[in-house]
Amino acid sequence: MQHRNQHHSINYLEIPVHDLDKAKAFFSQVFAWQFVDYGPEYSCFIDVGITGGFFVSDMSFTCANGSPLIVIYSAQLEVTQDKITAAGGEISHSIFSFPGGRRFHFIDPNGNEYAVWSE
């Protein structure tokens, strides 16, 4: 695991999930993420653009409750959208254009909201 310790940069992200196994299965299936477990309530995702981890919590996050939006890039927006629904995710905002590209939002099986964008 390589860490980039650049002064004042964001270098780690922690995400609450109700069910750690569901989170790992969903993100592995849809985005091919890999994980390193640190006990039964924490798993680190690696080589996804930023290092971070999922931790077991009763909380979840959405834009509606004021949380920051985690945005994932996809070279094939529609294919990724189909993978998300096939893996049990829910599309919360269909594909729309924005300055710089197109994106959609989804809710993962743990109730957290993310976006996926493409040019």
N, C-alpha and C. Protein backbone atom coordinates (compact mmCIF):
# COMPACT_ATOMS: atom_id res chain seq x y z
N MET A 1 0.84 -1.17 0.00
CA MET A 1 0.00 0.00 0.00
C MET A 1 0.89 1.24 0.00
N GLN A 2 0.75 2.05 -1.01
CA GLN A 2 1.57 3.24 -1.14
C GLN A 2 0.78 4.47 -0.69
N HIS A 3 1.35 5.24 0.21
CA HIS A 3 0.71 6.48 0.66
C HIS A 3 1.45 7.67 0.07
N ARG A 4 0.72 8.64 -0.35
CA ARG A 4 1.32 9.87 -0.85
C ARG A 4 1.13 10.92 0.22
N ASN A 5 2.20 11.29 0.86
CA ASN A 5 2.13 12.27 1.93
C ASN A 5 2.51 13.63 1.39
N GLN A 6 1.57 14.24 0.73
CA GLN A 6 1.76 15.56 0.16
C GLN A 6 1.12 16.57 1.11
N HIS A 7 1.85 17.58 1.48
CA HIS A 7 1.39 18.59 2.43
C HIS A 7 0.01 19.13 2.04
N HIS A 8 -0.94 19.07 2.95
CA HIS A 8 -2.30 19.59 2.81
C HIS A 8 -3.15 18.87 1.76
N SER A 9 -2.76 17.68 1.36
CA SER A 9 -3.56 16.93 0.40
C SER A 9 -4.48 15.95 1.13
N ILE A 10 -5.58 15.62 0.50
CA ILE A 10 -6.45 14.57 1.04
C ILE A 10 -5.80 13.25 0.66
N ASN A 11 -5.50 12.43 1.66
CA ASN A 11 -4.82 11.19 1.32
C ASN A 11 -5.47 9.95 1.90
N TYR A 12 -6.62 10.10 2.56
CA TYR A 12 -7.31 8.93 3.09
C TYR A 12 -8.78 9.26 3.28
N LEU A 13 -9.64 8.31 3.08
CA LEU A 13 -11.07 8.50 3.15
C LEU A 13 -11.69 7.35 3.92
N GLU A 14 -12.52 7.63 4.92
CA GLU A 14 -13.20 6.58 5.67
C GLU A 14 -14.70 6.68 5.46
N ILE A 15 -15.33 5.55 5.15
CA ILE A 15 -16.74 5.50 4.76
C ILE A 15 -17.50 4.58 5.71
N PRO A 16 -18.60 5.07 6.30
CA PRO A 16 -19.40 4.21 7.17
C PRO A 16 -20.26 3.25 6.36
N VAL A 17 -20.38 2.02 6.84
CA VAL A 17 -21.25 1.01 6.21
C VAL A 17 -21.93 0.20 7.30
N HIS A 18 -23.17 -0.21 7.03
CA HIS A 18 -23.90 -1.05 7.98
C HIS A 18 -23.37 -2.48 7.94
N ASP A 19 -23.05 -2.95 6.74
CA ASP A 19 -22.65 -4.34 6.53
C ASP A 19 -21.36 -4.35 5.70
N LEU A 20 -20.26 -4.65 6.36
CA LEU A 20 -18.95 -4.62 5.71
C LEU A 20 -18.85 -5.62 4.56
N ASP A 21 -19.39 -6.82 4.75
CA ASP A 21 -19.32 -7.83 3.69
C ASP A 21 -20.10 -7.40 2.45
N LYS A 22 -21.27 -6.78 2.65
CA LYS A 22 -22.05 -6.28 1.51
C LYS A 22 -21.29 -5.19 0.77
N ALA A 23 -20.66 -4.29 1.50
CA ALA A 23 -19.90 -3.21 0.87
C ALA A 23 -18.76 -3.77 0.03
N LYS A 24 -18.01 -4.69 0.59
CA LYS A 24 -16.89 -5.28 -0.14
C LYS A 24 -17.36 -6.04 -1.37
N ALA A 25 -18.43 -6.80 -1.23
CA ALA A 25 -18.95 -7.57 -2.37
C ALA A 25 -19.44 -6.63 -3.47
N PHE A 26 -20.18 -5.58 -3.11
CA PHE A 26 -20.71 -4.64 -4.10
C PHE A 26 -19.58 -3.93 -4.85
N PHE A 27 -18.63 -3.34 -4.14
CA PHE A 27 -17.57 -2.58 -4.80
C PHE A 27 -16.59 -3.48 -5.54
N SER A 28 -16.44 -4.71 -5.10
CA SER A 28 -15.63 -5.68 -5.85
C SER A 28 -16.31 -6.04 -7.16
N GLN A 29 -17.61 -6.32 -7.09
CA GLN A 29 -18.36 -6.74 -8.28
C GLN A 29 -18.48 -5.62 -9.30
N VAL A 30 -18.80 -4.42 -8.85
CA VAL A 30 -19.05 -3.32 -9.78
C VAL A 30 -17.76 -2.67 -10.27
N PHE A 31 -16.85 -2.36 -9.35
CA PHE A 31 -15.67 -1.56 -9.69
C PHE A 31 -14.35 -2.33 -9.62
N ALA A 32 -14.39 -3.62 -9.27
CA ALA A 32 -13.21 -4.47 -9.15
C ALA A 32 -12.23 -3.97 -8.08
N TRP A 33 -12.77 -3.34 -7.02
CA TRP A 33 -11.92 -2.90 -5.92
C TRP A 33 -11.40 -4.10 -5.15
N GLN A 34 -10.22 -3.92 -4.57
CA GLN A 34 -9.60 -4.94 -3.72
C GLN A 34 -9.49 -4.39 -2.30
N PHE A 35 -9.45 -5.30 -1.32
CA PHE A 35 -9.50 -4.90 0.08
C PHE A 35 -8.46 -5.61 0.92
N VAL A 36 -8.06 -4.95 1.99
CA VAL A 36 -7.23 -5.54 3.03
C VAL A 36 -8.00 -5.35 4.33
N ASP A 37 -8.32 -6.46 4.99
CA ASP A 37 -9.09 -6.40 6.23
C ASP A 37 -8.20 -6.12 7.43
N TYR A 38 -8.74 -5.29 8.33
CA TYR A 38 -8.08 -4.98 9.60
C TYR A 38 -9.08 -5.25 10.70
N GLY A 39 -9.33 -6.52 10.96
CA GLY A 39 -10.32 -6.91 11.95
C GLY A 39 -11.70 -7.04 11.33
N PRO A 40 -12.69 -7.41 12.14
CA PRO A 40 -14.03 -7.67 11.63
C PRO A 40 -14.86 -6.42 11.30
N GLU A 41 -14.38 -5.24 11.69
CA GLU A 41 -15.18 -4.03 11.50
C GLU A 41 -14.50 -2.96 10.65
N TYR A 42 -13.40 -3.34 9.95
CA TYR A 42 -12.71 -2.36 9.12
C TYR A 42 -12.04 -3.06 7.95
N SER A 43 -12.18 -2.47 6.77
CA SER A 43 -11.50 -2.99 5.59
C SER A 43 -11.04 -1.82 4.75
N CYS A 44 -9.79 -1.88 4.32
CA CYS A 44 -9.16 -0.82 3.54
C CYS A 44 -9.28 -1.14 2.06
N PHE A 45 -9.71 -0.16 1.26
CA PHE A 45 -9.70 -0.34 -0.19
C PHE A 45 -8.41 0.27 -0.72
N ILE A 46 -7.85 -0.37 -1.73
CA ILE A 46 -6.53 0.02 -2.23
C ILE A 46 -6.57 0.22 -3.74
N ASP A 47 -5.67 1.07 -4.23
CA ASP A 47 -5.49 1.29 -5.66
C ASP A 47 -6.78 1.71 -6.37
N VAL A 48 -7.54 2.65 -5.75
CA VAL A 48 -8.78 3.13 -6.36
C VAL A 48 -8.73 4.64 -6.61
N GLY A 49 -7.55 5.22 -6.62
CA GLY A 49 -7.40 6.65 -6.80
C GLY A 49 -7.07 7.36 -5.50
N ILE A 50 -7.64 6.88 -4.41
CA ILE A 50 -7.32 7.35 -3.06
C ILE A 50 -7.45 6.13 -2.15
N THR A 51 -6.60 6.05 -1.18
CA THR A 51 -6.70 4.95 -0.22
C THR A 51 -7.72 5.34 0.83
N GLY A 52 -8.42 4.35 1.33
CA GLY A 52 -9.41 4.60 2.36
C GLY A 52 -9.94 3.29 2.88
N GLY A 53 -11.02 3.38 3.63
CA GLY A 53 -11.56 2.17 4.19
C GLY A 53 -13.03 2.30 4.52
N PHE A 54 -13.65 1.14 4.69
CA PHE A 54 -15.02 1.04 5.17
C PHE A 54 -14.97 0.64 6.64
N PHE A 55 -15.78 1.31 7.47
CA PHE A 55 -15.88 0.93 8.87
C PHE A 55 -17.34 0.69 9.21
N VAL A 56 -17.60 -0.27 10.10
CA VAL A 56 -18.96 -0.63 10.48
C VAL A 56 -19.55 0.49 11.32
N SER A 57 -20.76 0.93 10.93
CA SER A 57 -21.43 2.03 11.60
C SER A 57 -22.93 1.97 11.30
N ASP A 58 -23.73 2.56 12.15
CA ASP A 58 -25.17 2.67 11.90
C ASP A 58 -25.48 3.83 10.96
N MET A 59 -24.49 4.65 10.65
CA MET A 59 -24.70 5.83 9.82
C MET A 59 -24.63 5.50 8.33
N SER A 60 -25.25 6.36 7.53
CA SER A 60 -25.08 6.33 6.08
C SER A 60 -25.09 7.77 5.61
N PHE A 61 -24.66 8.01 4.38
CA PHE A 61 -24.56 9.39 3.90
C PHE A 61 -25.22 9.57 2.55
N THR A 62 -25.85 10.73 2.39
CA THR A 62 -26.45 11.13 1.12
C THR A 62 -26.26 12.64 0.97
N CYS A 63 -26.42 13.12 -0.23
CA CYS A 63 -26.35 14.57 -0.46
C CYS A 63 -27.48 15.28 0.28
N ALA A 64 -28.63 14.62 0.38
CA ALA A 64 -29.78 15.23 1.05
C ALA A 64 -29.50 15.51 2.52
N ASN A 65 -28.64 14.70 3.15
CA ASN A 65 -28.33 14.99 4.56
C ASN A 65 -27.03 15.78 4.72
N GLY A 66 -26.59 16.39 3.61
CA GLY A 66 -25.47 17.32 3.68
C GLY A 66 -24.09 16.71 3.57
N SER A 67 -23.99 15.47 3.20
CA SER A 67 -22.69 14.81 3.12
C SER A 67 -21.97 15.16 1.83
N PRO A 68 -20.64 15.14 1.85
CA PRO A 68 -19.88 15.32 0.61
C PRO A 68 -20.21 14.18 -0.36
N LEU A 69 -20.09 14.44 -1.63
CA LEU A 69 -20.37 13.43 -2.65
C LEU A 69 -19.05 12.82 -3.13
N ILE A 70 -18.95 11.52 -3.03
CA ILE A 70 -17.80 10.80 -3.55
C ILE A 70 -18.11 10.45 -5.00
N VAL A 71 -17.24 10.90 -5.91
CA VAL A 71 -17.48 10.73 -7.35
C VAL A 71 -16.43 9.79 -7.92
N ILE A 72 -16.89 8.78 -8.63
CA ILE A 72 -16.04 7.76 -9.23
C ILE A 72 -16.06 7.95 -10.74
N TYR A 73 -14.91 7.80 -11.39
CA TYR A 73 -14.83 7.94 -12.84
C TYR A 73 -15.12 6.61 -13.53
N SER A 74 -15.79 6.67 -14.67
CA SER A 74 -16.01 5.49 -15.52
C SER A 74 -15.81 5.88 -16.98
N ALA A 75 -15.10 5.07 -17.72
CA ALA A 75 -14.95 5.29 -19.16
C ALA A 75 -16.19 4.82 -19.92
N GLN A 76 -17.04 4.02 -19.26
CA GLN A 76 -18.25 3.47 -19.87
C GLN A 76 -19.43 3.68 -18.93
N LEU A 77 -19.99 4.86 -18.93
CA LEU A 77 -20.99 5.27 -17.97
C LEU A 77 -22.20 4.32 -17.92
N GLU A 78 -22.76 4.01 -19.07
CA GLU A 78 -23.96 3.15 -19.10
C GLU A 78 -23.65 1.73 -18.62
N VAL A 79 -22.50 1.22 -18.98
CA VAL A 79 -22.10 -0.13 -18.53
C VAL A 79 -21.97 -0.15 -17.01
N THR A 80 -21.35 0.87 -16.45
CA THR A 80 -21.20 0.95 -15.01
C THR A 80 -22.56 1.07 -14.33
N GLN A 81 -23.45 1.86 -14.91
CA GLN A 81 -24.80 1.99 -14.34
C GLN A 81 -25.50 0.63 -14.30
N ASP A 82 -25.39 -0.15 -15.36
CA ASP A 82 -26.00 -1.48 -15.40
C ASP A 82 -25.38 -2.40 -14.36
N LYS A 83 -24.07 -2.33 -14.18
CA LYS A 83 -23.40 -3.16 -13.17
C LYS A 83 -23.89 -2.82 -11.77
N ILE A 84 -24.11 -1.54 -11.52
CA ILE A 84 -24.57 -1.09 -10.20
C ILE A 84 -25.94 -1.68 -9.89
N THR A 85 -26.86 -1.59 -10.83
CA THR A 85 -28.20 -2.14 -10.56
C THR A 85 -28.16 -3.66 -10.47
N ALA A 86 -27.33 -4.32 -11.27
CA ALA A 86 -27.21 -5.78 -11.20
C ALA A 86 -26.65 -6.24 -9.87
N ALA A 87 -25.83 -5.40 -9.23
CA ALA A 87 -25.20 -5.75 -7.95
C ALA A 87 -26.05 -5.33 -6.75
N GLY A 88 -27.24 -4.77 -6.99
CA GLY A 88 -28.12 -4.40 -5.88
C GLY A 88 -28.13 -2.94 -5.52
N GLY A 89 -27.44 -2.10 -6.31
CA GLY A 89 -27.48 -0.66 -6.09
C GLY A 89 -28.73 -0.06 -6.72
N GLU A 90 -29.06 1.15 -6.31
CA GLU A 90 -30.24 1.84 -6.82
C GLU A 90 -29.82 3.17 -7.43
N ILE A 91 -30.27 3.44 -8.64
CA ILE A 91 -29.96 4.71 -9.30
C ILE A 91 -30.85 5.79 -8.68
N SER A 92 -30.24 6.79 -8.07
CA SER A 92 -31.01 7.86 -7.41
C SER A 92 -31.18 9.08 -8.31
N HIS A 93 -30.29 9.28 -9.26
CA HIS A 93 -30.40 10.34 -10.27
C HIS A 93 -29.89 9.75 -11.58
N SER A 94 -30.76 9.67 -12.56
CA SER A 94 -30.37 9.13 -13.88
C SER A 94 -29.28 9.98 -14.51
N ILE A 95 -28.69 9.47 -15.55
CA ILE A 95 -27.60 10.16 -16.24
C ILE A 95 -28.05 11.56 -16.68
N PHE A 96 -27.21 12.55 -16.36
CA PHE A 96 -27.47 13.93 -16.75
C PHE A 96 -26.16 14.60 -17.11
N SER A 97 -26.26 15.67 -17.88
CA SER A 97 -25.07 16.42 -18.28
C SER A 97 -24.75 17.48 -17.23
N PHE A 98 -23.48 17.76 -17.07
CA PHE A 98 -23.01 18.84 -16.21
C PHE A 98 -21.76 19.41 -16.88
N PRO A 99 -21.31 20.60 -16.50
CA PRO A 99 -20.10 21.15 -17.13
C PRO A 99 -18.93 20.17 -16.97
N GLY A 100 -18.42 19.67 -18.06
CA GLY A 100 -17.30 18.74 -18.01
C GLY A 100 -17.65 17.31 -18.36
N GLY A 101 -18.95 16.99 -18.45
CA GLY A 101 -19.29 15.61 -18.78
C GLY A 101 -20.71 15.22 -18.45
N ARG A 102 -20.86 13.95 -18.13
CA ARG A 102 -22.16 13.38 -17.74
C ARG A 102 -21.96 12.56 -16.48
N ARG A 103 -23.02 12.41 -15.70
CA ARG A 103 -22.91 11.59 -14.49
C ARG A 103 -24.28 11.11 -14.05
N PHE A 104 -24.26 10.18 -13.12
CA PHE A 104 -25.47 9.73 -12.44
C PHE A 104 -25.11 9.50 -10.98
N HIS A 105 -26.12 9.43 -10.12
CA HIS A 105 -25.93 9.15 -8.71
C HIS A 105 -26.55 7.79 -8.40
N PHE A 106 -25.99 7.10 -7.41
CA PHE A 106 -26.57 5.83 -6.99
C PHE A 106 -26.46 5.67 -5.48
N ILE A 107 -27.32 4.81 -4.96
CA ILE A 107 -27.29 4.43 -3.55
C ILE A 107 -26.80 2.99 -3.49
N ASP A 108 -25.74 2.75 -2.71
CA ASP A 108 -25.20 1.40 -2.60
C ASP A 108 -26.07 0.57 -1.64
N PRO A 109 -25.81 -0.74 -1.52
CA PRO A 109 -26.64 -1.57 -0.64
C PRO A 109 -26.59 -1.17 0.85
N ASN A 110 -25.66 -0.30 1.24
CA ASN A 110 -25.59 0.18 2.61
C ASN A 110 -26.30 1.51 2.80
N GLY A 111 -26.90 2.05 1.74
CA GLY A 111 -27.64 3.30 1.84
C GLY A 111 -26.82 4.55 1.62
N ASN A 112 -25.58 4.42 1.16
CA ASN A 112 -24.71 5.57 0.91
C ASN A 112 -24.84 6.02 -0.55
N GLU A 113 -24.78 7.34 -0.76
CA GLU A 113 -24.91 7.90 -2.10
C GLU A 113 -23.55 8.24 -2.69
N TYR A 114 -23.34 7.85 -3.94
CA TYR A 114 -22.13 8.13 -4.70
C TYR A 114 -22.56 8.65 -6.07
N ALA A 115 -21.62 9.15 -6.85
CA ALA A 115 -21.86 9.51 -8.24
C ALA A 115 -20.81 8.85 -9.10
N VAL A 116 -21.15 8.64 -10.36
CA VAL A 116 -20.22 8.13 -11.36
C VAL A 116 -20.28 9.11 -12.53
N TRP A 117 -19.10 9.50 -13.03
CA TRP A 117 -19.06 10.46 -14.13
C TRP A 117 -18.18 9.97 -15.27
N SER A 118 -18.37 10.59 -16.42
CA SER A 118 -17.56 10.34 -17.60
C SER A 118 -17.56 11.59 -18.46
N GLU A 119 -16.61 11.69 -19.39
CA GLU A 119 -16.57 12.84 -20.29
C GLU A 119 -17.77 12.81 -21.21
